[in-house]
Amino acid sequence: MTGFIIRNIVQKLFTLFVISVLSFLILHLAPGDPAQIDPMNPAITSDVVERLRESFDLDKPLPVQYVLFYQRLFTGRLTSWKDGRPVLESIWERFLNSLPLFITGTLLTWTLAFPTGIRAAVKRGGKYDRTTTFIAYFLISIPGFFLAYILIIVVVNVLQVPVIGMRTHGLTGLPAVMNRVWHLVLPSVLSATAGIAILSRYVRSQMLEVESQDYIRTARAKGLSEDVVHYKHALRNAMMPFVTMFGMLLPGLIGGSVIIERIFAWPGMGRLAYDALLARDIPVILSLNFIGAILVVTGTLVSDILCAIVDPRVSYE
């Protein structure tokens, strides 16, 4: 098992290196000069552009720029071209804002999708199955921004409470805590709706596929109760694909939901990435890309280890 983990880590580190090189090259080979911040501004003369190129290290060869960039990133000295703030400081601040939204949305998705999908499979063809199928396809089909605006209008008009931003300023103590929780509810529910609909359908299909296997028919032929067949034999085997999916939750920390964050004025990771792309803030873009790659390979590593532990058919060799 130790050798399996070490080999996996070495492979992930090599993958990270390749991703860092490719993303660096792609961004720097894009058309335009990053030092030309505002080409319409007459104050940005050729001398100013040249000084900016020197300060951004854009006058050096690409391999040197690559080494300097990641050296500054790892030592915390990399700054944003847009506002001059340390990049890691900005990312950490937005990460802390996105974390409660991500955790709440993920918990809602997984705790509601699994019971819904399992019961729909057990009651296949029944009223419950047809109802949840209709609701799932409705939630998948409706645009997230449209549903967000509808909920905002309903909540503000009916409950007369603010829902924009992370908090209402001027509150202290318990009212401030409850206000923060209330601001978290609506964007979390919206970020979870499509996930619940899609995941519940996937759980249902997995359960139905497993229950069509020969060993399930054998279990029924032995006289086992339906609850034992469904929840002991079928469910345990249907969960294997979701062990792999569990490790892939981590990249959601960096991606967030740009649409939800913009609608609710939530200063999270998604908005940071979107604003950096508009401003062509290369240090922030590359840093977010690299951190996202770290989360992806970490998630796949966790999935590989969990699969090796749970499924005895997985070989360590």
C-alpha atoms as a PDB file:
ATOM      1  CA  MET A   1       0.000   0.000   0.000  1.00  0.00           C
ATOM      2  CA  THR A   2       2.855   2.391   0.816  1.00  0.00           C
ATOM      3  CA  GLY A   3       4.490   1.761  -2.563  1.00  0.00           C
ATOM      4  CA  PHE A   4       1.138   2.316  -4.283  1.00  0.00           C
ATOM      5  CA  ILE A   5       0.744   5.710  -2.580  1.00  0.00           C
ATOM      6  CA  ILE A   6       4.345   6.791  -3.309  1.00  0.00           C
ATOM      7  CA  ARG A   7       4.037   5.902  -7.012  1.00  0.00           C
ATOM      8  CA  ASN A   8       0.739   7.749  -7.181  1.00  0.00           C
ATOM      9  CA  ILE A   9       2.219  10.864  -5.566  1.00  0.00           C
ATOM     10  CA  VAL A  10       5.188  10.870  -7.970  1.00  0.00           C
ATOM     11  CA  GLN A  11       2.805  10.621 -10.943  1.00  0.00           C
ATOM     12  CA  LYS A  12       0.676  13.480  -9.579  1.00  0.00           C
ATOM     13  CA  LEU A  13       3.745  15.701  -9.059  1.00  0.00           C
ATOM     14  CA  PHE A  14       4.858  15.119 -12.643  1.00  0.00           C
ATOM     15  CA  THR A  15       1.317  15.938 -13.820  1.00  0.00           C
ATOM     16  CA  LEU A  16       1.410  19.181 -11.807  1.00  0.00           C
ATOM     17  CA  PHE A  17       4.715  20.157 -13.425  1.00  0.00           C
ATOM     18  CA  VAL A  18       3.357  19.552 -16.941  1.00  0.00           C
ATOM     19  CA  ILE A  19       0.195  21.548 -16.149  1.00  0.00           C
ATOM     20  CA  SER A  20       2.207  24.466 -14.759  1.00  0.00           C
ATOM     21  CA  VAL A  21       4.413  24.592 -17.880  1.00  0.00           C
ATOM     22  CA  LEU A  22       1.519  24.327 -20.346  1.00  0.00           C
ATOM     23  CA  SER A  23      -0.662  26.907 -18.610  1.00  0.00           C
ATOM     24  CA  PHE A  24       2.285  29.322 -18.371  1.00  0.00           C
ATOM     25  CA  LEU A  25       3.064  28.941 -22.084  1.00  0.00           C
ATOM     26  CA  ILE A  26      -0.553  29.251 -23.220  1.00  0.00           C
ATOM     27  CA  LEU A  27      -1.114  32.483 -21.279  1.00  0.00           C
ATOM     28  CA  HIS A  28       2.125  34.077 -22.420  1.00  0.00           C
ATOM     29  CA  LEU A  29       1.655  33.067 -26.048  1.00  0.00           C
ATOM     30  CA  ALA A  30      -1.783  34.704 -26.174  1.00  0.00           C
ATOM     31  CA  PRO A  31      -2.057  37.777 -28.435  1.00  0.00           C
ATOM     32  CA  GLY A  32      -1.351  41.189 -26.922  1.00  0.00           C
ATOM     33  CA  ASP A  33       1.153  42.621 -24.502  1.00  0.00           C
ATOM     34  CA  PRO A  34       0.253  42.170 -20.810  1.00  0.00           C
ATOM     35  CA  ALA A  35       2.250  45.309 -19.975  1.00  0.00           C
ATOM     36  CA  GLN A  36      -0.094  47.378 -22.187  1.00  0.00           C
ATOM     37  CA  ILE A  37      -2.606  47.748 -19.339  1.00  0.00           C
ATOM     38  CA  ASP A  38      -4.642  50.569 -20.929  1.00  0.00           C
ATOM     39  CA  PRO A  39      -3.719  51.145 -24.591  1.00  0.00           C
ATOM     40  CA  MET A  40      -6.277  53.982 -24.883  1.00  0.00           C
ATOM     41  CA  ASN A  41      -4.620  55.989 -22.099  1.00  0.00           C
ATOM     42  CA  PRO A  42      -2.269  58.614 -23.610  1.00  0.00           C
ATOM     43  CA  ALA A  43      -0.215  58.597 -20.400  1.00  0.00           C
ATOM     44  CA  ILE A  44       0.862  55.012 -21.135  1.00  0.00           C
ATOM     45  CA  THR A  45       3.819  55.826 -23.355  1.00  0.00           C
ATOM     46  CA  SER A  46       6.342  53.392 -24.796  1.00  0.00           C
ATOM     47  CA  ASP A  47       8.753  54.256 -21.960  1.00  0.00           C
ATOM     48  CA  VAL A  48       6.077  53.419 -19.371  1.00  0.00           C
ATOM     49  CA  VAL A  49       5.295  50.144 -21.136  1.00  0.00           C
ATOM     50  CA  GLU A  50       8.986  49.246 -21.171  1.00  0.00           C
ATOM     51  CA  ARG A  51       9.313  49.948 -17.433  1.00  0.00           C
ATOM     52  CA  LEU A  52       6.239  47.801 -16.786  1.00  0.00           C
ATOM     53  CA  ARG A  53       7.737  44.989 -18.848  1.00  0.00           C
ATOM     54  CA  GLU A  54      10.881  45.131 -16.744  1.00  0.00           C
ATOM     55  CA  SER A  55       8.940  45.187 -13.456  1.00  0.00           C
ATOM     56  CA  PHE A  56       6.796  42.242 -14.615  1.00  0.00           C
ATOM     57  CA  ASP A  57       9.896  40.346 -15.878  1.00  0.00           C
ATOM     58  CA  LEU A  58       8.342  40.272 -19.352  1.00  0.00           C
ATOM     59  CA  ASP A  59      11.655  41.317 -20.904  1.00  0.00           C
ATOM     60  CA  LYS A  60      13.272  38.035 -19.879  1.00  0.00           C
ATOM     61  CA  PRO A  61      13.140  34.680 -21.724  1.00  0.00           C
ATOM     62  CA  LEU A  62      10.108  32.494 -21.000  1.00  0.00           C
ATOM     63  CA  PRO A  63      12.062  29.819 -19.035  1.00  0.00           C
ATOM     64  CA  VAL A  64      13.437  32.547 -16.737  1.00  0.00           C
ATOM     65  CA  GLN A  65       9.964  34.071 -16.350  1.00  0.00           C
ATOM     66  CA  TYR A  66       8.609  30.624 -15.431  1.00  0.00           C
ATOM     67  CA  VAL A  67      11.237  30.059 -12.730  1.00  0.00           C
ATOM     68  CA  LEU A  68      10.834  33.575 -11.280  1.00  0.00           C
ATOM     69  CA  PHE A  69       7.042  33.317 -11.272  1.00  0.00           C
ATOM     70  CA  TYR A  70       6.849  30.062  -9.289  1.00  0.00           C
ATOM     71  CA  GLN A  71       9.730  31.111  -7.054  1.00  0.00           C
ATOM     72  CA  ARG A  72       7.769  34.200  -6.029  1.00  0.00           C
ATOM     73  CA  LEU A  73       4.527  32.222  -5.753  1.00  0.00           C
ATOM     74  CA  PHE A  74       6.012  29.634  -3.377  1.00  0.00           C
ATOM     75  CA  THR A  75       7.734  32.297  -1.261  1.00  0.00           C
ATOM     76  CA  GLY A  76       4.614  34.498  -1.039  1.00  0.00           C
ATOM     77  CA  ARG A  77       6.243  37.464  -2.874  1.00  0.00           C
ATOM     78  CA  LEU A  78       4.044  37.298  -5.978  1.00  0.00           C
ATOM     79  CA  THR A  79       1.817  40.365  -6.342  1.00  0.00           C
ATOM     80  CA  SER A  80      -1.192  41.138  -8.494  1.00  0.00           C
ATOM     81  CA  TRP A  81      -0.734  43.326 -11.548  1.00  0.00           C
ATOM     82  CA  LYS A  82      -4.148  44.839 -10.957  1.00  0.00           C
ATOM     83  CA  ASP A  83      -3.957  46.103  -7.364  1.00  0.00           C
ATOM     84  CA  GLY A  84      -0.459  45.204  -6.161  1.00  0.00           C
ATOM     85  CA  ARG A  85      -1.713  42.961  -3.354  1.00  0.00           C
ATOM     86  CA  PRO A  86       0.069  39.678  -2.577  1.00  0.00           C
ATOM     87  CA  VAL A  87      -1.643  37.029  -4.691  1.00  0.00           C
ATOM     88  CA  LEU A  88      -1.731  34.334  -2.003  1.00  0.00           C
ATOM     89  CA  GLU A  89      -3.240  36.813   0.463  1.00  0.00           C
ATOM     90  CA  SER A  90      -6.061  37.670  -1.964  1.00  0.00           C
ATOM     91  CA  ILE A  91      -6.679  34.002  -2.771  1.00  0.00           C
ATOM     92  CA  TRP A  92      -6.754  33.020   0.914  1.00  0.00           C
ATOM     93  CA  GLU A  93      -9.233  35.795   1.716  1.00  0.00           C
ATOM     94  CA  ARG A  94     -11.572  34.720  -1.089  1.00  0.00           C
ATOM     95  CA  PHE A  95     -11.056  31.050  -0.210  1.00  0.00           C
ATOM     96  CA  LEU A  96     -12.357  31.689   3.321  1.00  0.00           C
ATOM     97  CA  ASN A  97     -15.409  33.393   1.805  1.00  0.00           C
ATOM     98  CA  SER A  98     -16.113  30.514  -0.608  1.00  0.00           C
ATOM     99  CA  LEU A  99     -15.502  27.737   1.923  1.00  0.00           C
ATOM    100  CA  PRO A 100     -18.816  27.980   3.863  1.00  0.00           C
ATOM    101  CA  LEU A 101     -20.730  28.257   0.581  1.00  0.00           C
ATOM    102  CA  PHE A 102     -18.969  25.189  -0.801  1.00  0.00           C
ATOM    103  CA  ILE A 103     -19.380  23.094   2.363  1.00  0.00           C
ATOM    104  CA  THR A 104     -23.066  23.946   2.785  1.00  0.00           C
ATOM    105  CA  GLY A 105     -23.873  23.325  -0.881  1.00  0.00           C
ATOM    106  CA  THR A 106     -21.960  20.023  -0.898  1.00  0.00           C
ATOM    107  CA  LEU A 107     -23.639  18.776   2.281  1.00  0.00           C
ATOM    108  CA  LEU A 108     -27.072  19.658   0.908  1.00  0.00           C
ATOM    109  CA  THR A 109     -26.307  17.925  -2.392  1.00  0.00           C
ATOM    110  CA  TRP A 110     -25.007  14.654  -0.973  1.00  0.00           C
ATOM    111  CA  THR A 111     -27.391  14.328   1.985  1.00  0.00           C
ATOM    112  CA  LEU A 112     -30.487  14.914  -0.169  1.00  0.00           C
ATOM    113  CA  ALA A 113     -29.477  13.293  -3.460  1.00  0.00           C
ATOM    114  CA  PHE A 114     -28.638   9.851  -2.073  1.00  0.00           C
ATOM    115  CA  PRO A 115     -31.885   9.160  -0.149  1.00  0.00           C
ATOM    116  CA  THR A 116     -33.887  10.582  -3.054  1.00  0.00           C
ATOM    117  CA  GLY A 117     -32.149   8.441  -5.681  1.00  0.00           C
ATOM    118  CA  ILE A 118     -32.158   5.264  -3.573  1.00  0.00           C
ATOM    119  CA  ARG A 119     -35.860   5.522  -2.757  1.00  0.00           C
ATOM    120  CA  ALA A 120     -36.676   6.298  -6.416  1.00  0.00           C
ATOM    121  CA  ALA A 121     -34.852   3.100  -7.435  1.00  0.00           C
ATOM    122  CA  VAL A 122     -36.562   1.022  -4.753  1.00  0.00           C
ATOM    123  CA  LYS A 123     -39.978   2.440  -5.770  1.00  0.00           C
ATOM    124  CA  ARG A 124     -39.225   2.221  -9.500  1.00  0.00           C
ATOM    125  CA  GLY A 125     -42.198   3.169 -11.661  1.00  0.00           C
ATOM    126  CA  GLY A 126     -44.221   4.367  -8.677  1.00  0.00           C
ATOM    127  CA  LYS A 127     -45.610   7.797  -7.884  1.00  0.00           C
ATOM    128  CA  TYR A 128     -42.534   8.798  -5.881  1.00  0.00           C
ATOM    129  CA  ASP A 129     -40.212   7.816  -8.723  1.00  0.00           C
ATOM    130  CA  ARG A 130     -42.215   9.713 -11.336  1.00  0.00           C
ATOM    131  CA  THR A 131     -42.481  12.807  -9.131  1.00  0.00           C
ATOM    132  CA  THR A 132     -38.761  12.986  -8.307  1.00  0.00           C
ATOM    133  CA  THR A 133     -37.896  12.362 -11.964  1.00  0.00           C
ATOM    134  CA  PHE A 134     -40.075  15.294 -13.053  1.00  0.00           C
ATOM    135  CA  ILE A 135     -38.606  17.594 -10.369  1.00  0.00           C
ATOM    136  CA  ALA A 136     -35.035  16.526 -11.217  1.00  0.00           C
ATOM    137  CA  TYR A 137     -35.403  17.238 -14.935  1.00  0.00           C
ATOM    138  CA  PHE A 138     -37.136  20.528 -14.149  1.00  0.00           C
ATOM    139  CA  LEU A 139     -34.233  21.650 -11.923  1.00  0.00           C
ATOM    140  CA  ILE A 140     -31.677  20.519 -14.511  1.00  0.00           C
ATOM    141  CA  SER A 141     -33.466  22.384 -17.299  1.00  0.00           C
ATOM    142  CA  ILE A 142     -34.163  25.712 -15.590  1.00  0.00           C
ATOM    143  CA  PRO A 143     -31.264  28.228 -15.838  1.00  0.00           C
ATOM    144  CA  GLY A 144     -29.594  28.875 -12.495  1.00  0.00           C
ATOM    145  CA  PHE A 145     -29.568  32.661 -12.881  1.00  0.00           C
ATOM    146  CA  PHE A 146     -33.305  32.713 -13.652  1.00  0.00           C
ATOM    147  CA  LEU A 147     -34.130  30.614 -10.586  1.00  0.00           C
ATOM    148  CA  ALA A 148     -31.850  32.843  -8.493  1.00  0.00           C
ATOM    149  CA  TYR A 149     -33.662  36.026  -9.508  1.00  0.00           C
ATOM    150  CA  ILE A 150     -37.059  34.434  -8.890  1.00  0.00           C
ATOM    151  CA  LEU A 151     -36.046  33.323  -5.384  1.00  0.00           C
ATOM    152  CA  ILE A 152     -34.548  36.727  -4.585  1.00  0.00           C
ATOM    153  CA  ILE A 153     -37.760  38.490  -5.594  1.00  0.00           C
ATOM    154  CA  VAL A 154     -39.919  36.064  -3.594  1.00  0.00           C
ATOM    155  CA  VAL A 155     -37.746  36.122  -0.465  1.00  0.00           C
ATOM    156  CA  VAL A 156     -37.291  39.903  -0.416  1.00  0.00           C
ATOM    157  CA  ASN A 157     -40.987  40.634  -1.062  1.00  0.00           C
ATOM    158  CA  VAL A 158     -42.400  37.994   1.297  1.00  0.00           C
ATOM    159  CA  LEU A 159     -39.895  37.913   4.151  1.00  0.00           C
ATOM    160  CA  GLN A 160     -38.568  41.459   3.784  1.00  0.00           C
ATOM    161  CA  VAL A 161     -34.968  40.423   4.460  1.00  0.00           C
ATOM    162  CA  PRO A 162     -31.757  41.275   2.582  1.00  0.00           C
ATOM    163  CA  VAL A 163     -30.100  38.459   0.638  1.00  0.00           C
ATOM    164  CA  ILE A 164     -27.322  40.255  -1.266  1.00  0.00           C
ATOM    165  CA  GLY A 165     -23.759  40.038   0.004  1.00  0.00           C
ATOM    166  CA  MET A 166     -22.258  37.998   2.836  1.00  0.00           C
ATOM    167  CA  ARG A 167     -23.715  39.998   5.719  1.00  0.00           C
ATOM    168  CA  THR A 168     -25.616  43.100   6.763  1.00  0.00           C
ATOM    169  CA  HIS A 169     -23.176  45.549   8.298  1.00  0.00           C
ATOM    170  CA  GLY A 170     -23.802  47.177  11.670  1.00  0.00           C
ATOM    171  CA  LEU A 171     -24.921  44.036  13.519  1.00  0.00           C
ATOM    172  CA  THR A 172     -23.085  42.434  16.440  1.00  0.00           C
ATOM    173  CA  GLY A 173     -23.416  39.335  18.618  1.00  0.00           C
ATOM    174  CA  LEU A 174     -26.072  36.705  17.901  1.00  0.00           C
ATOM    175  CA  PRO A 175     -28.010  38.849  15.365  1.00  0.00           C
ATOM    176  CA  ALA A 176     -24.799  39.166  13.323  1.00  0.00           C
ATOM    177  CA  VAL A 177     -24.279  35.379  13.376  1.00  0.00           C
ATOM    178  CA  MET A 178     -27.871  34.666  12.354  1.00  0.00           C
ATOM    179  CA  ASN A 179     -27.663  37.331   9.655  1.00  0.00           C
ATOM    180  CA  ARG A 180     -24.535  35.674   8.233  1.00  0.00           C
ATOM    181  CA  VAL A 181     -26.294  32.279   8.256  1.00  0.00           C
ATOM    182  CA  TRP A 182     -29.342  33.722   6.511  1.00  0.00           C
ATOM    183  CA  HIS A 183     -27.198  35.266   3.749  1.00  0.00           C
ATOM    184  CA  LEU A 184     -25.601  31.836   3.283  1.00  0.00           C
ATOM    185  CA  VAL A 185     -28.858  29.903   2.889  1.00  0.00           C
ATOM    186  CA  LEU A 186     -30.136  31.117  -0.479  1.00  0.00           C
ATOM    187  CA  PRO A 187     -26.903  30.896  -2.528  1.00  0.00           C
ATOM    188  CA  SER A 188     -26.129  27.499  -0.955  1.00  0.00           C
ATOM    189  CA  VAL A 189     -29.554  26.122  -1.853  1.00  0.00           C
ATOM    190  CA  LEU A 190     -29.243  27.431  -5.408  1.00  0.00           C
ATOM    191  CA  SER A 191     -25.756  25.988  -5.853  1.00  0.00           C
ATOM    192  CA  ALA A 192     -27.064  22.605  -4.648  1.00  0.00           C
ATOM    193  CA  THR A 193     -30.262  22.343  -6.729  1.00  0.00           C
ATOM    194  CA  ALA A 194     -28.704  21.157  -9.992  1.00  0.00           C
ATOM    195  CA  GLY A 195     -26.289  18.897  -8.080  1.00  0.00           C
ATOM    196  CA  ILE A 196     -29.137  17.229  -6.181  1.00  0.00           C
ATOM    197  CA  ALA A 197     -31.090  16.664  -9.406  1.00  0.00           C
ATOM    198  CA  ILE A 198     -28.145  15.201 -11.341  1.00  0.00           C
ATOM    199  CA  LEU A 199     -26.679  13.123  -8.513  1.00  0.00           C
ATOM    200  CA  SER A 200     -30.048  11.653  -7.498  1.00  0.00           C
ATOM    201  CA  ARG A 201     -30.578  10.462 -11.095  1.00  0.00           C
ATOM    202  CA  TYR A 202     -27.115   8.926 -11.097  1.00  0.00           C
ATOM    203  CA  VAL A 203     -27.739   7.161  -7.769  1.00  0.00           C
ATOM    204  CA  ARG A 204     -31.030   5.813  -9.080  1.00  0.00           C
ATOM    205  CA  SER A 205     -29.445   4.435 -12.260  1.00  0.00           C
ATOM    206  CA  GLN A 206     -26.602   2.823 -10.294  1.00  0.00           C
ATOM    207  CA  MET A 207     -29.031   1.140  -7.922  1.00  0.00           C
ATOM    208  CA  LEU A 208     -31.157  -0.162 -10.783  1.00  0.00           C
ATOM    209  CA  GLU A 209     -28.083  -1.478 -12.590  1.00  0.00           C
ATOM    210  CA  VAL A 210     -26.845  -3.338  -9.514  1.00  0.00           C
ATOM    211  CA  GLU A 211     -30.270  -4.758  -8.716  1.00  0.00           C
ATOM    212  CA  SER A 212     -30.411  -6.368 -12.160  1.00  0.00           C
ATOM    213  CA  GLN A 213     -27.307  -8.463 -11.409  1.00  0.00           C
ATOM    214  CA  ASP A 214     -27.445 -12.225 -10.850  1.00  0.00           C
ATOM    215  CA  TYR A 215     -26.267 -12.108  -7.232  1.00  0.00           C
ATOM    216  CA  ILE A 216     -29.204  -9.855  -6.309  1.00  0.00           C
ATOM    217  CA  ARG A 217     -31.634 -12.377  -7.821  1.00  0.00           C
ATOM    218  CA  THR A 218     -29.797 -15.087  -5.894  1.00  0.00           C
ATOM    219  CA  ALA A 219     -30.208 -13.114  -2.659  1.00  0.00           C
ATOM    220  CA  ARG A 220     -33.940 -12.840  -3.278  1.00  0.00           C
ATOM    221  CA  ALA A 221     -34.134 -16.558  -4.124  1.00  0.00           C
ATOM    222  CA  LYS A 222     -32.597 -17.335  -0.717  1.00  0.00           C
ATOM    223  CA  GLY A 223     -35.597 -15.675   0.903  1.00  0.00           C
ATOM    224  CA  LEU A 224     -33.843 -12.520   2.164  1.00  0.00           C
ATOM    225  CA  SER A 225     -36.101  -9.577   2.938  1.00  0.00           C
ATOM    226  CA  GLU A 226     -36.345  -6.733   0.444  1.00  0.00           C
ATOM    227  CA  ASP A 227     -34.704  -4.311   2.901  1.00  0.00           C
ATOM    228  CA  VAL A 228     -31.677  -6.588   3.224  1.00  0.00           C
ATOM    229  CA  VAL A 229     -31.473  -7.014  -0.554  1.00  0.00           C
ATOM    230  CA  HIS A 230     -31.787  -3.272  -1.231  1.00  0.00           C
ATOM    231  CA  TYR A 231     -29.746  -1.722   1.556  1.00  0.00           C
ATOM    232  CA  LYS A 232     -27.136  -4.389   2.343  1.00  0.00           C
ATOM    233  CA  HIS A 233     -26.337  -6.098  -0.943  1.00  0.00           C
ATOM    234  CA  ALA A 234     -27.371  -3.640  -3.685  1.00  0.00           C
ATOM    235  CA  LEU A 235     -26.540  -0.330  -1.995  1.00  0.00           C
ATOM    236  CA  ARG A 236     -23.055  -1.376  -0.884  1.00  0.00           C
ATOM    237  CA  ASN A 237     -22.069  -2.318  -4.435  1.00  0.00           C
ATOM    238  CA  ALA A 238     -23.780   0.692  -6.001  1.00  0.00           C
ATOM    239  CA  MET A 239     -21.681   3.077  -3.880  1.00  0.00           C
ATOM    240  CA  MET A 240     -18.351   2.255  -5.550  1.00  0.00           C
ATOM    241  CA  PRO A 241     -18.588   4.908  -8.331  1.00  0.00           C
ATOM    242  CA  PHE A 242     -19.337   7.559  -5.714  1.00  0.00           C
ATOM    243  CA  VAL A 243     -16.111   6.801  -3.864  1.00  0.00           C
ATOM    244  CA  THR A 244     -14.351   8.078  -6.987  1.00  0.00           C
ATOM    245  CA  MET A 245     -16.636  11.104  -7.184  1.00  0.00           C
ATOM    246  CA  PHE A 246     -15.959  11.972  -3.539  1.00  0.00           C
ATOM    247  CA  GLY A 247     -12.313  12.784  -4.246  1.00  0.00           C
ATOM    248  CA  MET A 248     -13.318  15.108  -7.083  1.00  0.00           C
ATOM    249  CA  LEU A 249     -15.200  17.417  -4.727  1.00  0.00           C
ATOM    250  CA  LEU A 250     -12.008  19.317  -3.877  1.00  0.00           C
ATOM    251  CA  PRO A 251     -11.733  21.250  -7.174  1.00  0.00           C
ATOM    252  CA  GLY A 252     -15.064  22.866  -6.310  1.00  0.00           C
ATOM    253  CA  LEU A 253     -13.201  24.886  -3.680  1.00  0.00           C
ATOM    254  CA  ILE A 254     -11.348  26.851  -6.348  1.00  0.00           C
ATOM    255  CA  GLY A 255     -14.043  27.019  -9.015  1.00  0.00           C
ATOM    256  CA  GLY A 256     -17.056  28.006  -7.001  1.00  0.00           C
ATOM    257  CA  SER A 257     -20.034  29.292  -8.932  1.00  0.00           C
ATOM    258  CA  VAL A 258     -19.313  32.491 -10.841  1.00  0.00           C
ATOM    259  CA  ILE A 259     -22.984  33.097 -11.677  1.00  0.00           C
ATOM    260  CA  ILE A 260     -24.234  32.575  -8.114  1.00  0.00           C
ATOM    261  CA  GLU A 261     -21.423  34.682  -6.651  1.00  0.00           C
ATOM    262  CA  ARG A 262     -22.077  37.558  -9.037  1.00  0.00           C
ATOM    263  CA  ILE A 263     -25.843  37.515  -8.548  1.00  0.00           C
ATOM    264  CA  PHE A 264     -25.531  37.525  -4.756  1.00  0.00           C
ATOM    265  CA  ALA A 265     -22.455  39.807  -4.685  1.00  0.00           C
ATOM    266  CA  TRP A 266     -20.559  37.073  -2.854  1.00  0.00           C
ATOM    267  CA  PRO A 267     -16.797  37.830  -2.846  1.00  0.00           C
ATOM    268  CA  GLY A 268     -15.594  34.285  -3.484  1.00  0.00           C
ATOM    269  CA  MET A 269     -13.078  32.430  -5.616  1.00  0.00           C
ATOM    270  CA  GLY A 270     -15.272  32.381  -8.704  1.00  0.00           C
ATOM    271  CA  ARG A 271     -15.537  36.178  -8.795  1.00  0.00           C
ATOM    272  CA  LEU A 272     -11.803  36.523  -8.176  1.00  0.00           C
ATOM    273  CA  ALA A 273     -11.032  34.325 -11.187  1.00  0.00           C
ATOM    274  CA  TYR A 274     -13.587  36.119 -13.367  1.00  0.00           C
ATOM    275  CA  ASP A 275     -12.271  39.592 -12.477  1.00  0.00           C
ATOM    276  CA  ALA A 276      -8.670  38.452 -13.003  1.00  0.00           C
ATOM    277  CA  LEU A 277      -9.530  37.171 -16.491  1.00  0.00           C
ATOM    278  CA  LEU A 278     -11.198  40.462 -17.426  1.00  0.00           C
ATOM    279  CA  ALA A 279      -8.197  42.453 -16.163  1.00  0.00           C
ATOM    280  CA  ARG A 280      -5.710  39.967 -17.644  1.00  0.00           C
ATOM    281  CA  ASP A 281      -4.082  39.736 -14.240  1.00  0.00           C
ATOM    282  CA  ILE A 282      -1.678  36.927 -15.169  1.00  0.00           C
ATOM    283  CA  PRO A 283      -0.227  36.326 -11.652  1.00  0.00           C
ATOM    284  CA  VAL A 284      -3.712  35.724 -10.215  1.00  0.00           C
ATOM    285  CA  ILE A 285      -4.869  33.646 -13.205  1.00  0.00           C
ATOM    286  CA  LEU A 286      -1.821  31.371 -13.149  1.00  0.00           C
ATOM    287  CA  SER A 287      -1.910  31.038  -9.358  1.00  0.00           C
ATOM    288  CA  LEU A 288      -5.564  30.052  -9.370  1.00  0.00           C
ATOM    289  CA  ASN A 289      -4.924  27.615 -12.212  1.00  0.00           C
ATOM    290  CA  PHE A 290      -2.025  26.019 -10.341  1.00  0.00           C
ATOM    291  CA  ILE A 291      -3.939  25.767  -7.061  1.00  0.00           C
ATOM    292  CA  GLY A 292      -6.889  24.293  -8.954  1.00  0.00           C
ATOM    293  CA  ALA A 293      -4.554  21.698 -10.493  1.00  0.00           C
ATOM    294  CA  ILE A 294      -3.242  20.842  -7.006  1.00  0.00           C
ATOM    295  CA  LEU A 295      -6.801  20.278  -5.789  1.00  0.00           C
ATOM    296  CA  VAL A 296      -7.621  18.117  -8.819  1.00  0.00           C
ATOM    297  CA  VAL A 297      -4.603  15.832  -8.457  1.00  0.00           C
ATOM    298  CA  THR A 298      -5.127  15.680  -4.681  1.00  0.00           C
ATOM    299  CA  GLY A 299      -8.738  14.681  -5.270  1.00  0.00           C
ATOM    300  CA  THR A 300      -7.749  11.955  -7.721  1.00  0.00           C
ATOM    301  CA  LEU A 301      -5.114  10.713  -5.249  1.00  0.00           C
ATOM    302  CA  VAL A 302      -7.737  10.499  -2.493  1.00  0.00           C
ATOM    303  CA  SER A 303     -10.091   8.676  -4.883  1.00  0.00           C
ATOM    304  CA  ASP A 304      -7.397   6.189  -5.888  1.00  0.00           C
ATOM    305  CA  ILE A 305      -6.560   5.424  -2.252  1.00  0.00           C
ATOM    306  CA  LEU A 306     -10.227   5.063  -1.267  1.00  0.00           C
ATOM    307  CA  CYS A 307     -10.894   2.754  -4.226  1.00  0.00           C
ATOM    308  CA  ALA A 308      -7.880   0.633  -3.310  1.00  0.00           C
ATOM    309  CA  ILE A 309      -9.148   0.363   0.271  1.00  0.00           C
ATOM    310  CA  VAL A 310     -12.815  -0.262  -0.513  1.00  0.00           C
ATOM    311  CA  ASP A 311     -12.536  -2.461  -3.607  1.00  0.00           C
ATOM    312  CA  PRO A 312     -10.383  -5.577  -3.120  1.00  0.00           C
ATOM    313  CA  ARG A 313     -10.178  -6.017  -6.903  1.00  0.00           C
ATOM    314  CA  VAL A 314      -7.902  -2.951  -7.178  1.00  0.00           C
ATOM    315  CA  SER A 315      -4.261  -4.037  -7.357  1.00  0.00           C
ATOM    316  CA  TYR A 316      -1.471  -2.158  -5.603  1.00  0.00           C
ATOM    317  CA  GLU A 317       1.029  -3.276  -8.232  1.00  0.00           C
END
